[in-house]
Each structure stands twice: as C-alpha cells, then as structure tokens.
Amino acid sequence: MSALRQKSAAPGRVGRASAGKLAILYDGSCEMCRTSVEGVRHFDNSGMIEALDLHNPEARAQFPELALEALLEELHAVDDRGQVYRGARAINQILRMQSGVRGLLAYLWYVPGYAWLADRQYKRIAASRYNRDAQGRLRKASTSQH
C-alpha cells in the first residue's frame, strides 16, 4: 500500500513540515502512540519536532497526499522538503534532528542489520498497538480495545 495517493499536492506548504521542522503524524486514538509522542516531546532537544494527531482535520489538510490507511498503519514523518519517512525510519529521522549524544543514536541505523531489525520490531509492535497499554505492554485478551 502506497503512502501517497496518485494526485499531486497543491504548491506551497501543503505536504511539507514548517521550515526547519520535522512533522510527525501519529494516531491520537492510540494510548501507546500518545504516550510515545509525549516521550518524543520530552526527549526532543532540537525544538524542531512538530507532533500532529492524524485525526486532526488541520493536520490532514496539511498533508492531503498521505492516505489515511497508510497513516493508520505506521508513524509518518515529513520534513520541510516534503520527504516522507515511515515506521522505524521515521523514528530514525526524529533522532537525526537531535543534537549531542541523542543525535548520535541515529547512526545505529548504519550498523549492518540494524535497520532491518528496527523495521521488523516496529511493524510487530505497530500491528498490535491497540492491544497495548500506554507503556507498550500487551493487555490481556479480555481488556483489549480499539
């Protein structure tokens, strides 16, 4: 499934983060996702991360070329040039925006096998996110919700 629809985006800011920023589109209806974004906000020492709830009509209007189905599948990050990063790669982009030691964590992506492992683990957790609590622990089957 492609993250982009076949229509082109309108010229200007549509489809891009604000200048010098990285927009992350997350699922605000997911408890674990909301908690993760709060963690990103706390971790962020760059001031360049814009966290946007994909259910917010203004956020959706800013990125009309991103299909809702794809956004619900995994985290998306969009830079100020309109480059889209998905899943574990989006997390790596968040790390790349950081300064100091936090930014150095992004270089793990270049350790052989790391990108594959990060992507695999991300997809496994994302697929079950509605069955997880705010800390990412799986709930018992009787208490899972969507």
Protein backbone atom coordinates (compact mmCIF):
# COMPACT_ATOMS: atom_id res chain seq x y z
CA MET A 1 0.00 0.00 0.00
CA SER A 2 1.46 3.33 -1.03
CA ALA A 3 1.59 6.24 1.42
CA LEU A 4 0.93 8.65 -1.42
CA ARG A 5 -2.23 8.93 -3.45
CA GLN A 6 -1.89 9.40 -7.18
CA LYS A 7 -2.92 13.07 -7.05
CA SER A 8 -0.32 15.79 -6.74
CA ALA A 9 -0.14 18.07 -3.73
CA ALA A 10 -1.00 21.72 -4.03
CA PRO A 11 2.02 24.04 -4.29
CA GLY A 12 3.39 25.80 -1.21
CA ARG A 13 3.43 24.42 2.34
CA VAL A 14 0.95 21.63 1.69
CA GLY A 15 2.68 18.32 2.14
CA ARG A 16 5.67 19.75 4.00
CA ALA A 17 6.61 20.50 7.57
CA SER A 18 7.26 24.09 8.58
CA ALA A 19 10.71 25.40 7.64
CA GLY A 20 13.43 23.60 9.58
CA LYS A 21 10.93 21.24 11.22
CA LEU A 22 10.01 17.57 11.09
CA ALA A 23 6.27 16.90 11.29
CA ILE A 24 5.33 13.57 12.82
CA LEU A 25 1.81 12.30 12.22
CA TYR A 26 0.68 9.91 14.93
CA ASP A 27 -2.55 8.11 15.84
CA GLY A 28 -4.07 10.17 18.65
CA SER A 29 -6.71 7.48 19.25
CA CYS A 30 -3.98 5.06 20.35
CA GLU A 31 -2.96 5.23 24.01
CA MET A 32 0.53 3.89 23.34
CA CYS A 33 1.01 6.33 20.44
CA ARG A 34 0.02 9.33 22.57
CA THR A 35 2.42 8.25 25.32
CA SER A 36 5.19 7.72 22.76
CA VAL A 37 4.69 11.23 21.37
CA GLU A 38 4.89 12.65 24.89
CA GLY A 39 8.19 10.77 25.22
CA VAL A 40 9.41 12.29 21.95
CA ARG A 41 8.46 15.77 23.16
CA HIS A 42 10.39 15.17 26.39
CA PHE A 43 13.37 13.64 24.53
CA ASP A 44 13.49 16.33 21.82
CA ASN A 45 16.32 18.78 22.43
CA SER A 46 16.07 20.30 18.96
CA GLY A 47 12.75 22.12 19.15
CA MET A 48 12.27 21.01 15.55
CA ILE A 49 9.65 18.28 16.03
CA GLU A 50 6.00 19.06 15.23
CA ALA A 51 3.75 16.30 16.57
CA LEU A 52 0.41 16.22 14.75
CA ASP A 53 -2.54 13.96 15.53
CA LEU A 54 -3.53 12.41 12.20
CA HIS A 55 -7.20 12.65 13.28
CA ASN A 56 -6.96 16.46 13.45
CA PRO A 57 -8.58 17.89 10.29
CA GLU A 58 -5.95 20.66 10.10
CA ALA A 59 -3.12 18.12 10.14
CA ARG A 60 -4.83 16.05 7.43
CA ALA A 61 -5.35 19.20 5.34
CA GLN A 62 -1.63 19.99 5.60
CA PHE A 63 -0.76 16.56 4.16
CA PRO A 64 -3.60 15.67 1.77
CA GLU A 65 -1.41 13.35 -0.30
CA LEU A 66 -0.93 10.93 2.62
CA ALA A 67 -3.60 8.24 2.60
CA LEU A 68 -5.39 7.77 5.92
CA GLU A 69 -4.97 3.98 5.65
CA ALA A 70 -1.18 4.37 5.44
CA LEU A 71 -1.11 6.87 8.30
CA LEU A 72 -3.03 4.43 10.49
CA GLU A 73 -0.61 1.66 9.58
CA GLU A 74 2.53 3.35 10.89
CA LEU A 75 4.06 6.61 12.09
CA HIS A 76 4.88 9.09 9.34
CA ALA A 77 7.40 11.92 9.49
CA VAL A 78 7.55 14.62 6.82
CA ASP A 79 10.38 17.10 6.56
CA ASP A 80 10.30 20.64 5.25
CA ARG A 81 11.17 19.45 1.73
CA GLY A 82 8.19 17.07 1.67
CA GLN A 83 10.26 13.89 2.10
CA VAL A 84 8.14 11.21 3.83
CA TYR A 85 9.60 8.68 6.30
CA ARG A 86 7.55 5.77 7.65
CA GLY A 87 7.74 3.48 10.67
CA ALA A 88 11.18 2.84 12.12
CA ARG A 89 12.71 5.18 9.54
CA ALA A 90 10.50 7.99 10.91
CA ILE A 91 11.90 7.33 14.38
CA ASN A 92 15.41 7.47 12.94
CA GLN A 93 14.61 10.89 11.43
CA ILE A 94 13.46 12.12 14.85
CA LEU A 95 16.83 11.01 16.25
CA ARG A 96 18.68 12.73 13.38
CA MET A 97 17.10 16.05 14.39
CA GLN A 98 18.60 15.85 17.89
CA SER A 99 21.88 17.37 18.99
CA GLY A 100 24.61 15.79 21.06
CA VAL A 101 24.54 12.15 22.11
CA ARG A 102 20.84 11.89 21.28
CA GLY A 103 21.58 12.66 17.67
CA LEU A 104 24.37 10.10 17.58
CA LEU A 105 21.78 7.37 18.24
CA ALA A 106 20.60 7.88 14.65
CA TYR A 107 23.85 6.37 13.40
CA LEU A 108 22.80 2.97 14.73
CA TRP A 109 20.77 2.85 11.51
CA TYR A 110 24.04 2.23 9.64
CA VAL A 111 25.11 -0.77 11.73
CA PRO A 112 24.62 -3.79 9.47
CA GLY A 113 21.27 -5.44 10.17
CA TYR A 114 20.02 -2.69 12.49
CA ALA A 115 17.64 -1.03 10.02
CA TRP A 116 16.08 -4.39 9.13
CA LEU A 117 15.70 -5.36 12.79
CA ALA A 118 14.29 -1.94 13.77
CA ASP A 119 11.77 -2.06 10.94
CA ARG A 120 10.70 -5.60 11.80
CA GLN A 121 10.26 -4.79 15.50
CA TYR A 122 8.42 -1.56 14.70
CA LYS A 123 5.93 -3.36 12.43
CA ARG A 124 5.33 -6.08 15.05
CA ILE A 125 4.52 -3.53 17.76
CA ALA A 126 2.51 -1.23 15.46
CA ALA A 127 0.31 -4.11 14.32
CA SER A 128 -0.77 -4.75 17.91
CA ARG A 129 -0.76 -1.17 19.24
CA TYR A 130 -4.48 -1.08 20.08
CA ASN A 131 -3.91 -4.15 22.26
CA ARG A 132 -1.14 -2.41 24.22
CA ASP A 133 -1.24 -0.10 27.21
CA ALA A 134 0.44 3.30 27.37
CA GLN A 135 3.80 1.68 28.19
CA GLY A 136 3.55 -0.70 25.23
CA ARG A 137 2.77 -3.84 27.24
CA LEU A 138 0.24 -6.22 25.73
CA ARG A 139 -3.09 -6.20 27.52
CA LYS A 140 -4.88 -9.38 28.48
CA ALA A 141 -7.30 -10.51 25.74
CA SER A 142 -10.38 -9.66 27.82
CA THR A 143 -9.37 -5.99 28.21
CA SER A 144 -8.13 -5.22 24.69
CA GLN A 145 -9.90 -2.39 22.94
CA HIS A 146 -9.76 -0.32 19.74
